[in-house]
Amino acid sequence: MHNHASPFLAAAALALAPTALAWGTVGHATVAYIATGLMKPETASYCQQVLGDTSGDFIGGIASWADSYRYEPGGGFSSAFHYIDALDNPPYTCDVDFDRDCTAEGCIVSAIMNYTNIQRAQHDAESLKFLVHFLGDIHQPLHDENYGAGGNNITVLVDGVAWKLHAAWDTAFMTKITGGTNLAAAKTFSARLLTSIRSGVYASAAKRWFRATLADSQAAAMGWANDANDLVCSHVLPQGPAAIEGAELNGTYYRDAVPVLELAMAKAGWRLAAWLDLIATGSTPLGTAAGACKHARHV
């Protein structure tokens, strides 16, 4: 389809939809391409075989599949799997508690647990596609927050365009950072972040980003959820919702959000690669299996 509208305005057309699409296509693909660049060759071969795709886009191309699947006939059951509604009190307290926050319908933490087990047992394409997506979602702060329906009930402006706060973090900011909404933009952005991981600003910290085992996937996912949820207090709602309701965020707020988003993308890609390494090969060079308590923060 040929469209002469700007990527930002095209994305903005969806900004006030009832449910925002997490990270947008470019964000999810960025996470996937980072993971592709970091995973073991054996893991890449495993994923290509499971997905039936030997191209370099084997997970980048399916990273947003779960967002469309939930609107397909029979896919509605998965809607609750994209988030966990932390019943905390930002900006004063931010924390995720599995027993308190994961409902009977399930949540992103239980979904990661479940689809990890399914992938290990069945090696099927569907569970792998869910995992690629959910490990991206869990690193978006407002997917780990209940307040204002995860920011969907808070309206803000980005360059004069009205967005739900959730969609601003998902899509508007990512579009401004990358200059696009497609796989090409994601490849360019992921290449820059991979350089930062391998030899740049993240190089010394990266190996501390993953401390997890498949045997306790709840601890792993809770650590990632709490890591992202902390950002709700520190960067998403640092002065409370009233301070940004209806406000233009393209100034200091956006500038402060950029490094937070870039770090979140980098962590998500690293952790996705390590998690898939463990599933495919039983080990990963990207971290340790240092055990931690069930609700620990892996930061």
C-alpha atoms as a PDB file:
ATOM      1  CA  MET A   1       0.000   0.000   0.000  1.00  0.00           C
ATOM      2  CA  HIS A   2       1.336   3.451  -0.909  1.00  0.00           C
ATOM      3  CA  ASN A   3       0.656   6.132   1.671  1.00  0.00           C
ATOM      4  CA  HIS A   4       2.068   9.632   1.673  1.00  0.00           C
ATOM      5  CA  ALA A   5       1.054  10.414   5.266  1.00  0.00           C
ATOM      6  CA  SER A   6       3.885  10.782   7.764  1.00  0.00           C
ATOM      7  CA  PRO A   7       4.675   7.735   9.909  1.00  0.00           C
ATOM      8  CA  PHE A   8       3.915   9.786  13.017  1.00  0.00           C
ATOM      9  CA  LEU A   9       0.457  10.858  11.862  1.00  0.00           C
ATOM     10  CA  ALA A  10      -0.341   7.380  10.591  1.00  0.00           C
ATOM     11  CA  ALA A  11       0.495   5.979  14.005  1.00  0.00           C
ATOM     12  CA  ALA A  12      -1.418   8.767  15.704  1.00  0.00           C
ATOM     13  CA  ALA A  13      -4.577   7.701  13.913  1.00  0.00           C
ATOM     14  CA  LEU A  14      -4.573   4.635  16.175  1.00  0.00           C
ATOM     15  CA  ALA A  15      -3.542   6.476  19.307  1.00  0.00           C
ATOM     16  CA  LEU A  16      -7.000   6.806  20.810  1.00  0.00           C
ATOM     17  CA  ALA A  17      -8.201   3.303  19.949  1.00  0.00           C
ATOM     18  CA  PRO A  18      -9.658   1.371  22.912  1.00  0.00           C
ATOM     19  CA  THR A  19      -6.558  -0.803  23.302  1.00  0.00           C
ATOM     20  CA  ALA A  20      -3.078   0.316  22.322  1.00  0.00           C
ATOM     21  CA  LEU A  21      -0.717  -2.028  20.533  1.00  0.00           C
ATOM     22  CA  ALA A  22       2.316  -2.576  22.724  1.00  0.00           C
ATOM     23  CA  TRP A  23       5.546  -0.997  21.468  1.00  0.00           C
ATOM     24  CA  GLY A  24       4.043  -0.875  17.987  1.00  0.00           C
ATOM     25  CA  THR A  25       5.531  -2.818  15.095  1.00  0.00           C
ATOM     26  CA  VAL A  26       8.852  -1.009  15.225  1.00  0.00           C
ATOM     27  CA  GLY A  27       9.341  -1.537  18.956  1.00  0.00           C
ATOM     28  CA  HIS A  28       8.569  -5.238  18.942  1.00  0.00           C
ATOM     29  CA  ALA A  29      10.684  -5.784  15.838  1.00  0.00           C
ATOM     30  CA  THR A  30      13.552  -3.845  17.428  1.00  0.00           C
ATOM     31  CA  VAL A  31      13.514  -6.189  20.419  1.00  0.00           C
ATOM     32  CA  ALA A  32      13.429  -9.186  18.089  1.00  0.00           C
ATOM     33  CA  TYR A  33      16.321  -7.979  15.927  1.00  0.00           C
ATOM     34  CA  ILE A  34      18.430  -7.262  19.002  1.00  0.00           C
ATOM     35  CA  ALA A  35      17.713 -10.794  20.201  1.00  0.00           C
ATOM     36  CA  THR A  36      18.568 -12.173  16.766  1.00  0.00           C
ATOM     37  CA  GLY A  37      21.945 -10.460  16.934  1.00  0.00           C
ATOM     38  CA  LEU A  38      22.699 -11.808  20.415  1.00  0.00           C
ATOM     39  CA  MET A  39      21.360 -15.362  20.455  1.00  0.00           C
ATOM     40  CA  LYS A  40      23.534 -18.405  19.865  1.00  0.00           C
ATOM     41  CA  PRO A  41      23.677 -19.727  16.280  1.00  0.00           C
ATOM     42  CA  GLU A  42      22.061 -22.946  17.474  1.00  0.00           C
ATOM     43  CA  THR A  43      19.184 -20.926  18.919  1.00  0.00           C
ATOM     44  CA  ALA A  44      18.692 -19.077  15.656  1.00  0.00           C
ATOM     45  CA  SER A  45      18.571 -22.380  13.781  1.00  0.00           C
ATOM     46  CA  TYR A  46      16.079 -23.760  16.300  1.00  0.00           C
ATOM     47  CA  CYS A  47      13.770 -20.739  15.939  1.00  0.00           C
ATOM     48  CA  GLN A  48      14.016 -20.817  12.155  1.00  0.00           C
ATOM     49  CA  GLN A  49      13.045 -24.475  12.140  1.00  0.00           C
ATOM     50  CA  VAL A  50      10.118 -24.002  14.524  1.00  0.00           C
ATOM     51  CA  LEU A  51       8.819 -20.990  12.590  1.00  0.00           C
ATOM     52  CA  GLY A  52       9.564 -22.372   9.136  1.00  0.00           C
ATOM     53  CA  ASP A  53      11.482 -19.230   8.178  1.00  0.00           C
ATOM     54  CA  THR A  54      15.170 -19.248   7.300  1.00  0.00           C
ATOM     55  CA  SER A  55      15.363 -15.520   6.567  1.00  0.00           C
ATOM     56  CA  GLY A  56      16.985 -12.995   8.880  1.00  0.00           C
ATOM     57  CA  ASP A  57      13.511 -11.778   9.823  1.00  0.00           C
ATOM     58  CA  PHE A  58      12.534 -15.077  11.441  1.00  0.00           C
ATOM     59  CA  ILE A  59      11.466 -13.464  14.710  1.00  0.00           C
ATOM     60  CA  GLY A  60      11.435  -9.811  13.618  1.00  0.00           C
ATOM     61  CA  GLY A  61       8.662 -10.565  11.178  1.00  0.00           C
ATOM     62  CA  ILE A  62       6.411 -12.264  13.740  1.00  0.00           C
ATOM     63  CA  ALA A  63       7.159 -10.068  16.753  1.00  0.00           C
ATOM     64  CA  SER A  64       3.801  -8.263  16.552  1.00  0.00           C
ATOM     65  CA  TRP A  65       1.738 -11.325  15.634  1.00  0.00           C
ATOM     66  CA  ALA A  66       0.169 -11.614  19.096  1.00  0.00           C
ATOM     67  CA  ASP A  67      -1.261  -8.096  18.844  1.00  0.00           C
ATOM     68  CA  SER A  68      -3.320  -9.005  15.786  1.00  0.00           C
ATOM     69  CA  TYR A  69      -4.110 -12.540  16.939  1.00  0.00           C
ATOM     70  CA  ARG A  70      -6.085 -11.364  19.962  1.00  0.00           C
ATOM     71  CA  TYR A  71      -8.607  -9.684  17.624  1.00  0.00           C
ATOM     72  CA  GLU A  72      -9.031 -12.764  15.439  1.00  0.00           C
ATOM     73  CA  PRO A  73     -11.847 -15.289  15.995  1.00  0.00           C
ATOM     74  CA  GLY A  74     -10.773 -17.512  18.846  1.00  0.00           C
ATOM     75  CA  GLY A  75      -7.926 -15.229  19.869  1.00  0.00           C
ATOM     76  CA  GLY A  76      -9.701 -13.105  22.445  1.00  0.00           C
ATOM     77  CA  PHE A  77      -8.588 -15.345  25.312  1.00  0.00           C
ATOM     78  CA  SER A  78      -5.062 -13.967  24.916  1.00  0.00           C
ATOM     79  CA  SER A  79      -5.932 -10.292  25.499  1.00  0.00           C
ATOM     80  CA  ALA A  80      -5.206 -10.441  29.233  1.00  0.00           C
ATOM     81  CA  PHE A  81      -1.810 -12.011  28.569  1.00  0.00           C
ATOM     82  CA  HIS A  82      -0.270  -8.753  27.333  1.00  0.00           C
ATOM     83  CA  TYR A  83      -0.053  -7.056  30.740  1.00  0.00           C
ATOM     84  CA  ILE A  84      -0.188  -7.342  34.499  1.00  0.00           C
ATOM     85  CA  ASP A  85      -2.164  -4.655  36.334  1.00  0.00           C
ATOM     86  CA  ALA A  86      -0.014  -3.698  39.301  1.00  0.00           C
ATOM     87  CA  LEU A  87      -2.286  -2.344  42.044  1.00  0.00           C
ATOM     88  CA  ASP A  88       0.341   0.050  43.349  1.00  0.00           C
ATOM     89  CA  ASN A  89       0.224   3.819  43.854  1.00  0.00           C
ATOM     90  CA  PRO A  90       2.492   5.766  41.494  1.00  0.00           C
ATOM     91  CA  PRO A  91       4.410   7.962  41.887  1.00  0.00           C
ATOM     92  CA  TYR A  92       4.603   7.101  45.595  1.00  0.00           C
ATOM     93  CA  THR A  93       4.946   3.329  45.397  1.00  0.00           C
ATOM     94  CA  CYS A  94       5.618   1.080  42.420  1.00  0.00           C
ATOM     95  CA  ASP A  95       5.689  -2.692  42.693  1.00  0.00           C
ATOM     96  CA  VAL A  96       4.236  -5.792  41.065  1.00  0.00           C
ATOM     97  CA  ASP A  97       2.938  -8.669  43.174  1.00  0.00           C
ATOM     98  CA  PHE A  98       1.961 -11.861  41.383  1.00  0.00           C
ATOM     99  CA  ASP A  99      -0.657 -13.045  43.882  1.00  0.00           C
ATOM    100  CA  ARG A 100      -2.252  -9.602  44.057  1.00  0.00           C
ATOM    101  CA  ASP A 101      -2.024  -8.533  40.429  1.00  0.00           C
ATOM    102  CA  CYS A 102      -2.329 -11.615  38.205  1.00  0.00           C
ATOM    103  CA  THR A 103      -6.048 -12.307  37.777  1.00  0.00           C
ATOM    104  CA  ALA A 104      -7.907 -15.546  37.137  1.00  0.00           C
ATOM    105  CA  GLU A 105      -7.894 -14.677  33.421  1.00  0.00           C
ATOM    106  CA  GLY A 106      -4.113 -14.761  33.484  1.00  0.00           C
ATOM    107  CA  CYS A 107      -1.514 -12.069  32.949  1.00  0.00           C
ATOM    108  CA  ILE A 108       1.743 -11.544  31.132  1.00  0.00           C
ATOM    109  CA  VAL A 109       3.741 -13.282  33.863  1.00  0.00           C
ATOM    110  CA  SER A 110       1.610 -16.424  33.833  1.00  0.00           C
ATOM    111  CA  ALA A 111       1.572 -16.327  30.022  1.00  0.00           C
ATOM    112  CA  ILE A 112       5.377 -16.319  29.862  1.00  0.00           C
ATOM    113  CA  MET A 113       5.418 -19.213  32.319  1.00  0.00           C
ATOM    114  CA  ASN A 114       2.827 -21.178  30.357  1.00  0.00           C
ATOM    115  CA  TYR A 115       4.194 -20.628  26.864  1.00  0.00           C
ATOM    116  CA  THR A 116       7.726 -21.347  28.029  1.00  0.00           C
ATOM    117  CA  ASN A 117       6.552 -24.749  29.252  1.00  0.00           C
ATOM    118  CA  ILE A 118       4.622 -25.378  26.031  1.00  0.00           C
ATOM    119  CA  GLN A 119       7.584 -24.403  23.865  1.00  0.00           C
ATOM    120  CA  ARG A 120       9.917 -26.688  25.792  1.00  0.00           C
ATOM    121  CA  ALA A 121       7.511 -29.610  25.411  1.00  0.00           C
ATOM    122  CA  GLN A 122       6.034 -29.109  21.959  1.00  0.00           C
ATOM    123  CA  HIS A 123       8.422 -26.813  20.027  1.00  0.00           C
ATOM    124  CA  ASP A 124       5.449 -25.246  18.240  1.00  0.00           C
ATOM    125  CA  ALA A 125       5.339 -21.983  16.317  1.00  0.00           C
ATOM    126  CA  GLU A 126       2.428 -20.439  18.238  1.00  0.00           C
ATOM    127  CA  SER A 127       4.019 -20.603  21.683  1.00  0.00           C
ATOM    128  CA  LEU A 128       7.290 -19.229  20.282  1.00  0.00           C
ATOM    129  CA  LYS A 129       5.482 -16.293  18.677  1.00  0.00           C
ATOM    130  CA  PHE A 130       3.733 -15.555  21.966  1.00  0.00           C
ATOM    131  CA  LEU A 131       7.040 -15.609  23.859  1.00  0.00           C
ATOM    132  CA  VAL A 132       8.757 -13.267  21.405  1.00  0.00           C
ATOM    133  CA  HIS A 133       5.903 -10.807  21.818  1.00  0.00           C
ATOM    134  CA  PHE A 134       5.362 -11.056  25.557  1.00  0.00           C
ATOM    135  CA  LEU A 135       9.037 -10.622  26.401  1.00  0.00           C
ATOM    136  CA  GLY A 136       8.752  -7.337  24.536  1.00  0.00           C
ATOM    137  CA  ASP A 137       5.502  -6.301  26.219  1.00  0.00           C
ATOM    138  CA  ILE A 138       6.733  -6.938  29.748  1.00  0.00           C
ATOM    139  CA  HIS A 139       9.471  -4.319  29.307  1.00  0.00           C
ATOM    140  CA  GLN A 140       6.981  -1.536  28.505  1.00  0.00           C
ATOM    141  CA  PRO A 141       6.332   0.162  31.880  1.00  0.00           C
ATOM    142  CA  LEU A 142       2.614   0.684  31.345  1.00  0.00           C
ATOM    143  CA  HIS A 143       2.094  -3.017  30.634  1.00  0.00           C
ATOM    144  CA  ASP A 144       3.030  -3.545  34.278  1.00  0.00           C
ATOM    145  CA  GLU A 145       0.706  -0.908  35.739  1.00  0.00           C
ATOM    146  CA  ASN A 146      -2.995  -0.681  36.619  1.00  0.00           C
ATOM    147  CA  TYR A 147      -3.313   3.085  37.194  1.00  0.00           C
ATOM    148  CA  GLY A 148      -5.519   4.701  34.587  1.00  0.00           C
ATOM    149  CA  ALA A 149      -5.942   1.345  32.837  1.00  0.00           C
ATOM    150  CA  GLY A 150      -2.238   1.248  32.181  1.00  0.00           C
ATOM    151  CA  GLY A 151      -2.243   4.880  31.083  1.00  0.00           C
ATOM    152  CA  ASN A 152      -5.084   4.379  28.596  1.00  0.00           C
ATOM    153  CA  ASN A 153      -7.312   6.786  30.538  1.00  0.00           C
ATOM    154  CA  ILE A 154      -4.750   9.595  30.509  1.00  0.00           C
ATOM    155  CA  THR A 155      -4.679  11.828  27.419  1.00  0.00           C
ATOM    156  CA  VAL A 156      -1.526  13.739  26.506  1.00  0.00           C
ATOM    157  CA  LEU A 157      -0.155  15.618  23.504  1.00  0.00           C
ATOM    158  CA  VAL A 158       2.917  14.699  21.486  1.00  0.00           C
ATOM    159  CA  ASP A 159       3.828  17.348  18.920  1.00  0.00           C
ATOM    160  CA  GLY A 160       0.291  18.674  19.161  1.00  0.00           C
ATOM    161  CA  VAL A 161      -1.388  15.319  18.514  1.00  0.00           C
ATOM    162  CA  ALA A 162      -3.611  13.742  21.182  1.00  0.00           C
ATOM    163  CA  TRP A 163      -2.460  10.343  22.419  1.00  0.00           C
ATOM    164  CA  LYS A 164      -3.325   8.074  25.277  1.00  0.00           C
ATOM    165  CA  LEU A 165      -0.314   8.022  27.578  1.00  0.00           C
ATOM    166  CA  HIS A 166      -0.007   4.279  26.984  1.00  0.00           C
ATOM    167  CA  ALA A 167       0.122   4.767  23.214  1.00  0.00           C
ATOM    168  CA  ALA A 168       2.550   7.660  23.580  1.00  0.00           C
ATOM    169  CA  TRP A 169       5.039   5.319  25.228  1.00  0.00           C
ATOM    170  CA  ASP A 170       4.171   2.426  22.905  1.00  0.00           C
ATOM    171  CA  THR A 171       4.204   4.203  19.590  1.00  0.00           C
ATOM    172  CA  ALA A 172       4.541   8.001  19.520  1.00  0.00           C
ATOM    173  CA  PHE A 173       7.905   8.150  21.260  1.00  0.00           C
ATOM    174  CA  MET A 174       9.217   5.132  19.360  1.00  0.00           C
ATOM    175  CA  THR A 175       8.206   6.737  16.058  1.00  0.00           C
ATOM    176  CA  LYS A 176      10.006   9.952  16.986  1.00  0.00           C
ATOM    177  CA  ILE A 177      13.132   8.054  18.014  1.00  0.00           C
ATOM    178  CA  THR A 178      13.309   5.792  14.962  1.00  0.00           C
ATOM    179  CA  GLY A 179      11.678   7.972  12.322  1.00  0.00           C
ATOM    180  CA  GLY A 180       9.487   5.125  11.110  1.00  0.00           C
ATOM    181  CA  THR A 181       7.039   2.372  11.937  1.00  0.00           C
ATOM    182  CA  ASN A 182       8.290  -0.513   9.781  1.00  0.00           C
ATOM    183  CA  LEU A 183      10.869  -3.300   9.894  1.00  0.00           C
ATOM    184  CA  ALA A 184      13.479  -1.179   8.125  1.00  0.00           C
ATOM    185  CA  ALA A 185      13.304   1.418  10.916  1.00  0.00           C
ATOM    186  CA  ALA A 186      13.544  -1.360  13.489  1.00  0.00           C
ATOM    187  CA  LYS A 187      16.632  -2.832  11.825  1.00  0.00           C
ATOM    188  CA  THR A 188      18.407   0.517  11.839  1.00  0.00           C
ATOM    189  CA  PHE A 189      17.477   1.222  15.461  1.00  0.00           C
ATOM    190  CA  SER A 190      18.375  -2.278  16.637  1.00  0.00           C
ATOM    191  CA  ALA A 191      21.777  -2.060  14.946  1.00  0.00           C
ATOM    192  CA  ARG A 192      22.528   1.088  16.931  1.00  0.00           C
ATOM    193  CA  LEU A 193      21.418  -0.510  20.186  1.00  0.00           C
ATOM    194  CA  LEU A 194      23.432  -3.661  19.455  1.00  0.00           C
ATOM    195  CA  THR A 195      26.534  -1.500  19.126  1.00  0.00           C
ATOM    196  CA  SER A 196      25.744   0.096  22.490  1.00  0.00           C
ATOM    197  CA  ILE A 197      25.349  -3.375  23.999  1.00  0.00           C
ATOM    198  CA  ARG A 198      28.493  -4.874  22.513  1.00  0.00           C
ATOM    199  CA  SER A 199      30.937  -2.012  22.856  1.00  0.00           C
ATOM    200  CA  GLY A 200      29.107   1.095  24.013  1.00  0.00           C
ATOM    201  CA  VAL A 201      27.260   2.486  26.991  1.00  0.00           C
ATOM    202  CA  TYR A 202      25.583  -0.805  27.950  1.00  0.00           C
ATOM    203  CA  ALA A 203      28.589  -3.098  27.546  1.00  0.00           C
ATOM    204  CA  SER A 204      29.622  -3.262  31.199  1.00  0.00           C
ATOM    205  CA  ALA A 205      26.095  -3.631  32.581  1.00  0.00           C
ATOM    206  CA  ALA A 206      24.553  -6.012  30.059  1.00  0.00           C
ATOM    207  CA  LYS A 207      25.673  -9.280  31.632  1.00  0.00           C
ATOM    208  CA  ARG A 208      23.840  -8.297  34.804  1.00  0.00           C
ATOM    209  CA  TRP A 209      20.557  -8.045  32.888  1.00  0.00           C
ATOM    210  CA  PHE A 210      19.835 -11.757  32.924  1.00  0.00           C
ATOM    211  CA  ARG A 211      19.766 -13.912  36.050  1.00  0.00           C
ATOM    212  CA  ALA A 212      17.124 -16.529  35.530  1.00  0.00           C
ATOM    213  CA  THR A 213      16.317 -20.186  35.054  1.00  0.00           C
ATOM    214  CA  LEU A 214      13.615 -21.964  33.110  1.00  0.00           C
ATOM    215  CA  ALA A 215      12.886 -23.917  36.282  1.00  0.00           C
ATOM    216  CA  ASP A 216      11.566 -20.736  37.921  1.00  0.00           C
ATOM    217  CA  SER A 217      10.070 -18.779  35.059  1.00  0.00           C
ATOM    218  CA  GLN A 218       7.791 -16.928  37.473  1.00  0.00           C
ATOM    219  CA  ALA A 219      10.785 -15.404  39.238  1.00  0.00           C
ATOM    220  CA  ALA A 220      12.290 -14.413  35.903  1.00  0.00           C
ATOM    221  CA  ALA A 221       9.147 -12.766  34.566  1.00  0.00           C
ATOM    222  CA  MET A 222       8.387 -11.060  37.887  1.00  0.00           C
ATOM    223  CA  GLY A 223      11.878  -9.610  37.908  1.00  0.00           C
ATOM    224  CA  TRP A 224      11.393  -8.154  34.446  1.00  0.00           C
ATOM    225  CA  ALA A 225       7.933  -6.833  35.347  1.00  0.00           C
ATOM    226  CA  ASN A 226       9.201  -5.097  38.469  1.00  0.00           C
ATOM    227  CA  ASP A 227      12.145  -3.665  36.557  1.00  0.00           C
ATOM    228  CA  ALA A 228       9.776  -1.997  34.088  1.00  0.00           C
ATOM    229  CA  ASN A 229       7.183  -1.063  36.708  1.00  0.00           C
ATOM    230  CA  ASP A 230       9.817   0.918  38.634  1.00  0.00           C
ATOM    231  CA  LEU A 231       9.921   3.269  35.644  1.00  0.00           C
ATOM    232  CA  VAL A 232       6.281   4.243  36.181  1.00  0.00           C
ATOM    233  CA  CYS A 233       7.308   6.044  39.362  1.00  0.00           C
ATOM    234  CA  SER A 234      10.646   7.353  38.122  1.00  0.00           C
ATOM    235  CA  HIS A 235       9.841   8.410  34.544  1.00  0.00           C
ATOM    236  CA  VAL A 236       6.264   7.790  33.372  1.00  0.00           C
ATOM    237  CA  LEU A 237       4.363   9.469  36.225  1.00  0.00           C
ATOM    238  CA  PRO A 238       7.139  11.058  38.311  1.00  0.00           C
ATOM    239  CA  GLN A 239       4.888  13.926  39.449  1.00  0.00           C
ATOM    240  CA  GLY A 240       1.600  12.066  39.237  1.00  0.00           C
ATOM    241  CA  PRO A 241      -0.997  11.936  36.447  1.00  0.00           C
ATOM    242  CA  ALA A 242      -2.344  15.445  37.009  1.00  0.00           C
ATOM    243  CA  ALA A 243       1.011  16.889  35.967  1.00  0.00           C
ATOM    244  CA  ILE A 244       0.760  15.460  32.454  1.00  0.00           C
ATOM    245  CA  GLU A 245      -2.985  15.154  31.754  1.00  0.00           C
ATOM    246  CA  GLY A 246      -3.554  17.175  28.569  1.00  0.00           C
ATOM    247  CA  ALA A 247       0.050  18.381  28.580  1.00  0.00           C
ATOM    248  CA  GLU A 248       2.469  18.548  25.658  1.00  0.00           C
ATOM    249  CA  LEU A 249       5.202  15.973  26.238  1.00  0.00           C
ATOM    250  CA  ASN A 250       7.592  16.789  23.402  1.00  0.00           C
ATOM    251  CA  GLY A 251       9.986  18.746  25.618  1.00  0.00           C
ATOM    252  CA  THR A 252      11.806  17.658  28.763  1.00  0.00           C
ATOM    253  CA  TYR A 253       9.467  14.717  29.359  1.00  0.00           C
ATOM    254  CA  TYR A 254      10.223  13.205  25.949  1.00  0.00           C
ATOM    255  CA  ARG A 255      13.946  13.897  26.202  1.00  0.00           C
ATOM    256  CA  ASP A 256      14.024  12.114  29.560  1.00  0.00           C
ATOM    257  CA  ALA A 257      12.022   9.206  28.121  1.00  0.00           C
ATOM    258  CA  VAL A 258      14.381   8.521  25.201  1.00  0.00           C
ATOM    259  CA  PRO A 259      17.244   6.909  27.172  1.00  0.00           C
ATOM    260  CA  VAL A 260      14.697   5.001  29.271  1.00  0.00           C
ATOM    261  CA  LEU A 261      13.066   3.548  26.171  1.00  0.00           C
ATOM    262  CA  GLU A 262      16.389   2.714  24.570  1.00  0.00           C
ATOM    263  CA  LEU A 263      17.563   0.887  27.685  1.00  0.00           C
ATOM    264  CA  ALA A 264      14.250  -0.980  27.913  1.00  0.00           C
ATOM    265  CA  MET A 265      14.603  -2.110  24.289  1.00  0.00           C
ATOM    266  CA  ALA A 266      18.170  -3.237  24.889  1.00  0.00           C
ATOM    267  CA  LYS A 267      17.248  -5.187  28.029  1.00  0.00           C
ATOM    268  CA  ALA A 268      14.263  -6.794  26.328  1.00  0.00           C
ATOM    269  CA  GLY A 269      16.346  -7.946  23.370  1.00  0.00           C
ATOM    270  CA  TRP A 270      19.098  -9.291  25.603  1.00  0.00           C
ATOM    271  CA  ARG A 271      16.666 -11.157  27.837  1.00  0.00           C
ATOM    272  CA  LEU A 272      14.706 -12.551  24.895  1.00  0.00           C
ATOM    273  CA  ALA A 273      17.915 -13.898  23.360  1.00  0.00           C
ATOM    274  CA  ALA A 274      18.998 -15.450  26.655  1.00  0.00           C
ATOM    275  CA  TRP A 275      15.568 -16.979  27.310  1.00  0.00           C
ATOM    276  CA  LEU A 276      15.426 -18.522  23.857  1.00  0.00           C
ATOM    277  CA  ASP A 277      19.004 -19.765  24.295  1.00  0.00           C
ATOM    278  CA  LEU A 278      17.919 -21.625  27.420  1.00  0.00           C
ATOM    279  CA  ILE A 279      14.880 -23.107  25.693  1.00  0.00           C
ATOM    280  CA  ALA A 280      16.784 -24.156  22.577  1.00  0.00           C
ATOM    281  CA  THR A 281      20.134 -25.243  24.019  1.00  0.00           C
ATOM    282  CA  GLY A 282      19.943 -25.306  27.812  1.00  0.00           C
ATOM    283  CA  SER A 283      22.554 -22.584  28.331  1.00  0.00           C
ATOM    284  CA  THR A 284      23.323 -18.986  27.425  1.00  0.00           C
ATOM    285  CA  PRO A 285      26.465 -16.826  27.413  1.00  0.00           C
ATOM    286  CA  LEU A 286      24.327 -13.774  28.189  1.00  0.00           C
ATOM    287  CA  GLY A 287      24.012 -14.162  31.948  1.00  0.00           C
ATOM    288  CA  THR A 288      23.893 -16.497  34.876  1.00  0.00           C
ATOM    289  CA  ALA A 289      21.355 -18.781  36.453  1.00  0.00           C
ATOM    290  CA  ALA A 290      21.842 -17.119  39.826  1.00  0.00           C
ATOM    291  CA  GLY A 291      18.709 -17.894  41.779  1.00  0.00           C
ATOM    292  CA  ALA A 292      16.694 -15.216  43.477  1.00  0.00           C
ATOM    293  CA  CYS A 293      13.509 -15.109  45.470  1.00  0.00           C
ATOM    294  CA  LYS A 294      10.199 -15.369  43.677  1.00  0.00           C
ATOM    295  CA  HIS A 295       9.509 -11.667  43.434  1.00  0.00           C
ATOM    296  CA  ALA A 296      13.078 -10.431  43.067  1.00  0.00           C
ATOM    297  CA  ARG A 297      14.033  -7.632  40.737  1.00  0.00           C
ATOM    298  CA  HIS A 298      16.504  -8.620  38.031  1.00  0.00           C
ATOM    299  CA  VAL A 299      17.958  -5.264  37.027  1.00  0.00           C
END
